[in-house]
């Protein structure tokens, strides 16, 4: 399922795909797709639906808002991967890393923990480059595709 996300001020900030449609939605997301925009219009979430606003209403996000936007999407992607592997969240999956009672769960936990570390290291490195002007700001969707790939043991 595709979810559409907004920042702290309600402005559309991108989309993320989740695999478990029965699970909880990530914060600041909805399955309701924003309307088609033209020119410099922006979409803002009202709590019930999307509003179409002219550029006059749009506010350029500060560094904290940009970071939060990407961090929320990264966290949602990791949680979605854990849910797809039948865990409640990435936190739950990682909690098995030190539990030797069931080797499959422990091995999954170790793999998720390693992946989580690699993902956040990459994400923070790239966000720092974006905020410093060292690279162009990618879309959230493109950024998520750049992240390290999860490799679970067979």
N, C-alpha and C. Protein backbone atom coordinates (compact mmCIF):
# COMPACT_ATOMS: atom_id res chain seq x y z
N UNK A 1 0.85 -1.16 0.00
CA UNK A 1 0.00 0.00 0.00
C UNK A 1 0.90 1.23 0.00
N UNK A 2 0.51 2.22 -0.77
CA UNK A 2 1.24 3.49 -0.82
C UNK A 2 0.61 4.45 0.18
N UNK A 3 1.45 5.08 1.01
CA UNK A 3 0.99 6.09 1.95
C UNK A 3 1.60 7.42 1.56
N UNK A 4 0.86 8.48 1.79
CA UNK A 4 1.28 9.83 1.45
C UNK A 4 1.56 10.56 2.75
N UNK A 5 2.73 11.19 2.83
CA UNK A 5 3.20 11.78 4.07
C UNK A 5 3.21 13.30 4.03
N UNK A 6 3.16 13.90 5.22
CA UNK A 6 3.24 15.34 5.35
C UNK A 6 4.19 15.69 6.49
N UNK A 7 4.71 16.93 6.44
CA UNK A 7 5.63 17.39 7.47
C UNK A 7 4.86 18.00 8.65
N UNK A 8 5.58 18.60 9.60
CA UNK A 8 4.96 19.15 10.80
C UNK A 8 3.93 20.23 10.50
N UNK A 9 4.08 20.91 9.37
CA UNK A 9 3.13 21.96 9.01
C UNK A 9 2.03 21.45 8.09
N UNK A 10 2.04 20.15 7.84
CA UNK A 10 0.99 19.54 7.05
C UNK A 10 1.24 19.50 5.56
N UNK A 11 2.37 20.02 5.09
CA UNK A 11 2.64 20.05 3.65
C UNK A 11 3.08 18.67 3.16
N UNK A 12 2.54 18.27 2.02
CA UNK A 12 2.88 16.99 1.41
C UNK A 12 4.40 16.90 1.27
N UNK A 13 4.95 15.75 1.70
CA UNK A 13 6.40 15.62 1.68
C UNK A 13 6.89 14.39 0.94
N UNK A 14 5.98 13.54 0.47
CA UNK A 14 6.42 12.38 -0.28
C UNK A 14 5.54 11.18 0.01
N UNK A 15 5.97 10.05 -0.49
CA UNK A 15 5.20 8.84 -0.28
C UNK A 15 6.12 7.70 0.11
N UNK A 16 5.54 6.71 0.75
CA UNK A 16 6.29 5.54 1.18
C UNK A 16 5.38 4.33 0.98
N UNK A 17 5.99 3.21 0.63
CA UNK A 17 5.21 1.99 0.46
C UNK A 17 5.37 1.12 1.70
N UNK A 18 4.24 0.62 2.21
CA UNK A 18 4.30 -0.32 3.32
C UNK A 18 3.72 -1.64 2.84
N UNK A 19 4.22 -2.72 3.38
CA UNK A 19 3.80 -4.04 2.94
C UNK A 19 2.64 -4.60 3.75
N UNK A 20 2.56 -4.25 5.02
CA UNK A 20 1.50 -4.78 5.89
C UNK A 20 0.37 -3.76 5.99
N UNK A 21 -0.69 -3.99 5.24
CA UNK A 21 -1.82 -3.06 5.23
C UNK A 21 -2.62 -3.13 6.52
N UNK A 22 -2.46 -4.19 7.30
CA UNK A 22 -3.23 -4.34 8.53
C UNK A 22 -2.54 -3.66 9.72
N UNK A 23 -1.27 -3.37 9.59
CA UNK A 23 -0.53 -2.77 10.69
C UNK A 23 -0.83 -1.29 10.86
N UNK A 24 -0.29 -0.68 11.90
CA UNK A 24 -0.52 0.75 12.12
C UNK A 24 0.18 1.58 11.04
N UNK A 25 -0.42 2.73 10.72
CA UNK A 25 0.19 3.63 9.74
C UNK A 25 1.32 4.40 10.41
N UNK A 26 2.38 4.67 9.67
CA UNK A 26 3.44 5.53 10.22
C UNK A 26 2.87 6.91 10.54
N UNK A 27 3.49 7.63 11.46
CA UNK A 27 3.01 8.98 11.79
C UNK A 27 2.99 9.87 10.55
N UNK A 28 2.08 10.83 10.56
CA UNK A 28 1.96 11.81 9.47
C UNK A 28 1.82 11.16 8.10
N UNK A 29 0.95 10.17 8.01
CA UNK A 29 0.73 9.51 6.71
C UNK A 29 -0.74 9.13 6.56
N UNK A 30 -1.14 9.01 5.30
CA UNK A 30 -2.52 8.65 4.97
C UNK A 30 -2.52 7.88 3.65
N UNK A 31 -3.49 7.00 3.45
CA UNK A 31 -3.60 6.34 2.15
C UNK A 31 -4.29 7.23 1.11
N UNK A 32 -4.76 8.40 1.52
CA UNK A 32 -5.45 9.31 0.61
C UNK A 32 -4.42 10.07 -0.24
N UNK A 33 -4.50 9.88 -1.53
CA UNK A 33 -3.54 10.50 -2.46
C UNK A 33 -3.87 11.99 -2.62
N UNK A 34 -2.82 12.85 -2.61
CA UNK A 34 -3.07 14.27 -2.85
C UNK A 34 -3.56 14.50 -4.28
N UNK A 35 -4.28 15.57 -4.47
CA UNK A 35 -4.78 15.91 -5.79
C UNK A 35 -3.64 16.33 -6.72
N UNK A 36 -3.91 16.35 -8.00
CA UNK A 36 -2.92 16.79 -8.98
C UNK A 36 -2.68 18.29 -8.79
N UNK A 37 -1.41 18.66 -8.77
CA UNK A 37 -1.04 20.06 -8.58
C UNK A 37 -0.46 20.61 -9.87
N UNK A 38 -0.64 21.89 -10.06
CA UNK A 38 -0.08 22.57 -11.24
C UNK A 38 0.78 23.73 -10.78
N UNK A 39 1.71 24.08 -11.62
CA UNK A 39 2.55 25.24 -11.32
C UNK A 39 3.27 25.08 -10.00
N UNK A 40 3.08 26.07 -9.13
CA UNK A 40 3.76 26.07 -7.84
C UNK A 40 2.80 25.82 -6.69
N UNK A 41 1.73 25.10 -6.97
CA UNK A 41 0.78 24.76 -5.92
C UNK A 41 1.38 23.71 -4.98
N UNK A 42 0.87 23.67 -3.76
CA UNK A 42 1.29 22.67 -2.79
C UNK A 42 0.05 22.05 -2.17
N UNK A 43 0.21 20.84 -1.65
CA UNK A 43 -0.88 20.15 -0.96
C UNK A 43 -0.58 20.19 0.54
N UNK A 44 -1.62 20.45 1.32
CA UNK A 44 -1.49 20.47 2.78
C UNK A 44 -2.57 19.58 3.38
N UNK A 45 -2.16 18.73 4.32
CA UNK A 45 -3.11 17.83 4.98
C UNK A 45 -3.89 18.61 6.02
N UNK A 46 -5.22 18.47 5.98
CA UNK A 46 -6.09 19.21 6.91
C UNK A 46 -6.53 18.37 8.10
N UNK A 47 -6.24 17.09 8.07
CA UNK A 47 -6.74 16.18 9.09
C UNK A 47 -7.85 15.31 8.53
N UNK A 48 -8.54 15.82 7.50
CA UNK A 48 -9.61 15.08 6.85
C UNK A 48 -9.32 14.83 5.37
N UNK A 49 -8.42 15.59 4.81
CA UNK A 49 -8.12 15.48 3.39
C UNK A 49 -7.05 16.49 3.01
N UNK A 50 -6.73 16.51 1.73
CA UNK A 50 -5.69 17.41 1.22
C UNK A 50 -6.31 18.72 0.75
N UNK A 51 -5.64 19.84 1.06
CA UNK A 51 -6.03 21.15 0.57
C UNK A 51 -5.03 21.56 -0.50
N UNK A 52 -5.51 22.22 -1.54
CA UNK A 52 -4.63 22.72 -2.59
C UNK A 52 -4.38 24.20 -2.30
N UNK A 53 -3.10 24.56 -2.14
CA UNK A 53 -2.73 25.93 -1.81
C UNK A 53 -1.79 26.50 -2.87
N UNK A 54 -1.82 27.80 -3.00
CA UNK A 54 -0.87 28.45 -3.90
C UNK A 54 0.48 28.53 -3.22
N UNK A 55 1.51 28.84 -3.97
CA UNK A 55 2.86 28.91 -3.43
C UNK A 55 2.99 29.93 -2.32
N UNK A 56 2.11 30.92 -2.28
CA UNK A 56 2.18 31.97 -1.27
C UNK A 56 2.10 31.37 0.13
N UNK A 57 1.35 30.30 0.28
CA UNK A 57 1.19 29.68 1.58
C UNK A 57 2.35 28.75 1.94
N UNK A 58 3.08 28.32 0.95
CA UNK A 58 4.15 27.35 1.20
C UNK A 58 5.30 28.00 1.97
N UNK A 59 5.89 27.23 2.86
CA UNK A 59 7.01 27.69 3.64
C UNK A 59 8.19 26.77 3.35
N UNK A 60 9.33 27.34 3.08
CA UNK A 60 10.52 26.52 2.84
C UNK A 60 10.90 25.86 4.17
N UNK A 61 11.00 24.54 4.18
CA UNK A 61 11.30 23.86 5.44
C UNK A 61 12.71 24.16 5.92
N UNK A 62 12.86 24.24 7.24
CA UNK A 62 14.19 24.44 7.80
C UNK A 62 14.91 23.09 7.89
N UNK A 63 16.16 23.13 8.33
CA UNK A 63 16.97 21.91 8.38
C UNK A 63 16.33 20.83 9.25
N UNK A 64 15.74 21.23 10.36
CA UNK A 64 15.11 20.25 11.25
C UNK A 64 13.92 19.58 10.57
N UNK A 65 13.14 20.34 9.83
CA UNK A 65 11.99 19.78 9.12
C UNK A 65 12.43 18.83 8.02
N UNK A 66 13.47 19.20 7.30
CA UNK A 66 14.00 18.33 6.23
C UNK A 66 14.48 17.03 6.84
N UNK A 67 15.26 17.11 7.91
CA UNK A 67 15.77 15.90 8.56
C UNK A 67 14.62 15.02 9.04
N UNK A 68 13.63 15.61 9.69
CA UNK A 68 12.50 14.85 10.22
C UNK A 68 11.74 14.14 9.10
N UNK A 69 11.57 14.81 7.99
CA UNK A 69 10.87 14.22 6.84
C UNK A 69 11.55 12.92 6.40
N UNK A 70 12.87 12.97 6.21
CA UNK A 70 13.60 11.79 5.76
C UNK A 70 13.70 10.74 6.85
N UNK A 71 13.92 11.17 8.09
CA UNK A 71 14.02 10.22 9.20
C UNK A 71 12.72 9.43 9.37
N UNK A 72 11.59 10.10 9.24
CA UNK A 72 10.30 9.42 9.36
C UNK A 72 10.13 8.38 8.26
N UNK A 73 10.52 8.73 7.05
CA UNK A 73 10.40 7.80 5.92
C UNK A 73 11.35 6.61 6.08
N UNK A 74 12.56 6.86 6.55
CA UNK A 74 13.53 5.78 6.76
C UNK A 74 13.02 4.83 7.84
N UNK A 75 12.52 5.39 8.94
CA UNK A 75 11.99 4.55 10.01
C UNK A 75 10.82 3.71 9.52
N UNK A 76 9.93 4.30 8.73
CA UNK A 76 8.78 3.58 8.19
C UNK A 76 9.24 2.44 7.29
N UNK A 77 10.28 2.68 6.49
CA UNK A 77 10.79 1.63 5.61
C UNK A 77 11.36 0.47 6.42
N UNK A 78 12.11 0.77 7.47
CA UNK A 78 12.69 -0.30 8.29
C UNK A 78 11.59 -1.07 9.03
N UNK A 79 10.61 -0.35 9.56
CA UNK A 79 9.50 -1.04 10.23
C UNK A 79 8.73 -1.92 9.25
N UNK A 80 8.52 -1.42 8.04
CA UNK A 80 7.80 -2.21 7.02
C UNK A 80 8.56 -3.49 6.67
N UNK A 81 9.88 -3.41 6.60
CA UNK A 81 10.68 -4.60 6.31
C UNK A 81 10.57 -5.62 7.44
N UNK A 82 10.58 -5.14 8.67
CA UNK A 82 10.45 -6.05 9.81
C UNK A 82 9.06 -6.68 9.84
N UNK A 83 8.04 -5.89 9.57
CA UNK A 83 6.67 -6.40 9.54
C UNK A 83 6.52 -7.46 8.44
N UNK A 84 7.15 -7.22 7.30
CA UNK A 84 7.10 -8.19 6.20
C UNK A 84 7.75 -9.51 6.61
N UNK A 85 8.70 -9.45 7.53
CA UNK A 85 9.38 -10.67 8.03
C UNK A 85 8.66 -11.23 9.27
N UNK A 86 7.49 -10.71 9.56
CA UNK A 86 6.61 -11.19 10.63
C UNK A 86 7.03 -10.76 12.03
N UNK A 87 7.67 -9.60 12.13
CA UNK A 87 7.96 -8.99 13.43
C UNK A 87 7.06 -7.76 13.55
N UNK A 88 6.87 -7.26 14.76
CA UNK A 88 6.02 -6.09 14.97
C UNK A 88 6.63 -4.81 14.42
N UNK A 89 7.96 -4.71 14.51
CA UNK A 89 8.68 -3.51 14.10
C UNK A 89 10.16 -3.85 14.03
N UNK A 90 10.95 -2.90 13.58
CA UNK A 90 12.40 -3.10 13.55
C UNK A 90 12.92 -3.28 14.97
N UNK A 91 12.34 -2.56 15.92
CA UNK A 91 12.78 -2.67 17.32
C UNK A 91 12.56 -4.09 17.84
N UNK A 92 11.42 -4.66 17.53
CA UNK A 92 11.14 -6.02 17.97
C UNK A 92 12.11 -7.00 17.31
N UNK A 93 12.33 -6.86 16.03
CA UNK A 93 13.24 -7.76 15.32
C UNK A 93 14.64 -7.70 15.92
N UNK A 94 15.12 -6.50 16.18
CA UNK A 94 16.47 -6.32 16.73
C UNK A 94 16.58 -6.92 18.13
N UNK A 95 15.47 -6.93 18.86
CA UNK A 95 15.51 -7.43 20.24
C UNK A 95 15.89 -8.91 20.31
N UNK A 96 15.76 -9.64 19.22
CA UNK A 96 16.12 -11.06 19.20
C UNK A 96 17.62 -11.30 18.99
N UNK A 97 18.39 -10.28 18.70
CA UNK A 97 19.80 -10.46 18.36
C UNK A 97 20.61 -11.13 19.47
N UNK A 98 20.25 -10.91 20.70
CA UNK A 98 21.01 -11.49 21.83
C UNK A 98 20.31 -12.70 22.44
N UNK A 99 19.26 -13.19 21.80
CA UNK A 99 18.49 -14.32 22.34
C UNK A 99 18.83 -15.60 21.59
N UNK A 100 19.62 -16.50 22.19
CA UNK A 100 20.05 -17.72 21.50
C UNK A 100 19.05 -18.88 21.52
N UNK A 101 17.91 -18.76 22.20
CA UNK A 101 16.99 -19.89 22.34
C UNK A 101 16.48 -20.41 21.00
N UNK A 102 16.24 -19.52 20.06
CA UNK A 102 15.77 -19.92 18.73
C UNK A 102 16.73 -19.30 17.70
N UNK A 103 17.63 -20.10 17.15
CA UNK A 103 18.67 -19.56 16.25
C UNK A 103 18.13 -18.73 15.09
N UNK A 104 17.01 -19.12 14.49
CA UNK A 104 16.47 -18.35 13.36
C UNK A 104 16.15 -16.92 13.79
N UNK A 105 15.50 -16.76 14.95
CA UNK A 105 15.15 -15.43 15.44
C UNK A 105 16.41 -14.63 15.79
N UNK A 106 17.37 -15.30 16.41
CA UNK A 106 18.61 -14.60 16.75
C UNK A 106 19.33 -14.13 15.48
N UNK A 107 19.41 -15.01 14.48
CA UNK A 107 20.10 -14.63 13.23
C UNK A 107 19.37 -13.49 12.52
N UNK A 108 18.04 -13.55 12.52
CA UNK A 108 17.27 -12.42 11.95
C UNK A 108 17.56 -11.15 12.72
N UNK A 109 17.55 -11.25 14.04
CA UNK A 109 17.81 -10.07 14.88
C UNK A 109 19.17 -9.45 14.61
N UNK A 110 20.16 -10.28 14.45
CA UNK A 110 21.51 -9.79 14.14
C UNK A 110 21.51 -9.10 12.78
N UNK A 111 20.84 -9.70 11.80
CA UNK A 111 20.79 -9.11 10.45
C UNK A 111 20.04 -7.78 10.47
N UNK A 112 18.92 -7.72 11.16
CA UNK A 112 18.16 -6.47 11.25
C UNK A 112 18.97 -5.39 11.99
N UNK A 113 19.67 -5.78 13.06
CA UNK A 113 20.46 -4.81 13.82
C UNK A 113 21.58 -4.23 12.95
N UNK A 114 22.27 -5.10 12.22
CA UNK A 114 23.34 -4.65 11.33
C UNK A 114 22.79 -3.73 10.24
N UNK A 115 21.68 -4.13 9.64
CA UNK A 115 21.06 -3.33 8.58
C UNK A 115 20.64 -1.97 9.12
N UNK A 116 20.01 -1.96 10.29
CA UNK A 116 19.57 -0.69 10.89
C UNK A 116 20.75 0.26 11.06
N UNK A 117 21.87 -0.24 11.55
CA UNK A 117 23.05 0.60 11.74
C UNK A 117 23.57 1.15 10.42
N UNK A 118 23.63 0.29 9.41
CA UNK A 118 24.11 0.72 8.09
C UNK A 118 23.17 1.75 7.47
N UNK A 119 21.87 1.54 7.63
CA UNK A 119 20.88 2.46 7.07
C UNK A 119 21.02 3.84 7.72
N UNK A 120 21.04 3.89 9.06
CA UNK A 120 21.13 5.19 9.72
C UNK A 120 22.47 5.87 9.44
N UNK A 121 23.56 5.12 9.39
CA UNK A 121 24.86 5.74 9.07
C UNK A 121 24.80 6.39 7.69
N UNK A 122 24.27 5.68 6.71
CA UNK A 122 24.16 6.23 5.36
C UNK A 122 23.21 7.43 5.34
N UNK A 123 22.04 7.26 5.96
CA UNK A 123 21.03 8.32 5.93
C UNK A 123 21.56 9.61 6.54
N UNK A 124 22.17 9.52 7.71
CA UNK A 124 22.67 10.73 8.37
C UNK A 124 23.83 11.36 7.59
N UNK A 125 24.67 10.54 7.00
CA UNK A 125 25.77 11.06 6.18
C UNK A 125 25.22 11.85 4.99
N UNK A 126 24.25 11.27 4.31
CA UNK A 126 23.68 11.93 3.12
C UNK A 126 22.84 13.15 3.49
N UNK A 127 22.10 13.08 4.59
CA UNK A 127 21.33 14.25 5.03
C UNK A 127 22.26 15.40 5.39
N UNK A 128 23.38 15.09 6.01
CA UNK A 128 24.35 16.15 6.34
C UNK A 128 24.87 16.80 5.06
N UNK A 129 25.12 16.00 4.03
CA UNK A 129 25.57 16.55 2.75
C UNK A 129 24.50 17.46 2.13
N UNK A 130 23.24 17.01 2.18
CA UNK A 130 22.14 17.81 1.64
C UNK A 130 22.06 19.14 2.37
N UNK A 131 22.07 19.09 3.70
CA UNK A 131 21.90 20.30 4.50
C UNK A 131 23.09 21.25 4.36
N UNK A 132 24.26 20.70 4.05
CA UNK A 132 25.45 21.53 3.86
C UNK A 132 25.59 22.01 2.42
N UNK A 133 24.68 21.57 1.55
CA UNK A 133 24.76 21.97 0.15
C UNK A 133 25.72 21.12 -0.66
N UNK A 134 26.17 20.01 -0.11
CA UNK A 134 27.13 19.14 -0.79
C UNK A 134 26.50 18.19 -1.79
N UNK A 135 25.18 18.08 -1.76
CA UNK A 135 24.46 17.28 -2.75
C UNK A 135 23.05 17.83 -2.87
N UNK A 136 22.47 17.59 -4.01
CA UNK A 136 21.10 18.04 -4.25
C UNK A 136 20.14 17.20 -3.41
N UNK A 137 19.08 17.83 -2.92
CA UNK A 137 18.11 17.10 -2.10
C UNK A 137 17.29 16.17 -2.99
N UNK A 138 17.38 14.85 -2.73
CA UNK A 138 16.59 13.91 -3.53
C UNK A 138 15.15 13.88 -3.03
N UNK A 139 14.27 13.31 -3.83
CA UNK A 139 12.92 13.05 -3.32
C UNK A 139 13.03 11.98 -2.24
N UNK A 140 12.03 11.90 -1.40
CA UNK A 140 12.03 10.88 -0.36
C UNK A 140 12.08 9.50 -1.00
N UNK A 141 11.30 9.31 -2.07
CA UNK A 141 11.26 8.01 -2.74
C UNK A 141 12.64 7.62 -3.27
N UNK A 142 13.32 8.56 -3.92
CA UNK A 142 14.66 8.28 -4.45
C UNK A 142 15.64 8.00 -3.32
N UNK A 143 15.53 8.74 -2.24
CA UNK A 143 16.43 8.55 -1.10
C UNK A 143 16.27 7.15 -0.51
N UNK A 144 15.03 6.71 -0.38
CA UNK A 144 14.79 5.37 0.19
C UNK A 144 15.39 4.27 -0.69
N UNK A 145 15.42 4.49 -1.99
CA UNK A 145 16.02 3.50 -2.90
C UNK A 145 17.54 3.43 -2.76
N UNK A 146 18.15 4.49 -2.24
CA UNK A 146 19.61 4.53 -2.06
C UNK A 146 20.07 3.74 -0.83
N UNK A 147 19.18 3.48 0.10
CA UNK A 147 19.56 2.89 1.37
C UNK A 147 20.12 1.48 1.19
N UNK A 148 20.99 1.06 2.11
CA UNK A 148 21.51 -0.32 2.05
C UNK A 148 20.36 -1.32 2.06
N UNK A 149 20.60 -2.46 1.46
CA UNK A 149 19.58 -3.51 1.31
C UNK A 149 19.68 -4.48 2.50
N UNK A 150 18.53 -4.87 3.01
CA UNK A 150 18.45 -5.86 4.08
C UNK A 150 18.77 -7.24 3.52
N UNK A 151 19.67 -7.94 4.18
CA UNK A 151 20.00 -9.31 3.78
C UNK A 151 19.75 -10.23 4.97
N UNK A 152 18.59 -10.89 4.94
CA UNK A 152 18.25 -11.84 6.00
C UNK A 152 18.86 -13.20 5.69
N UNK A 153 19.29 -13.93 6.73
CA UNK A 153 19.84 -15.27 6.49
C UNK A 153 18.74 -16.21 5.98
N UNK A 154 19.16 -17.21 5.24
CA UNK A 154 18.19 -18.16 4.67
C UNK A 154 17.58 -19.06 5.72
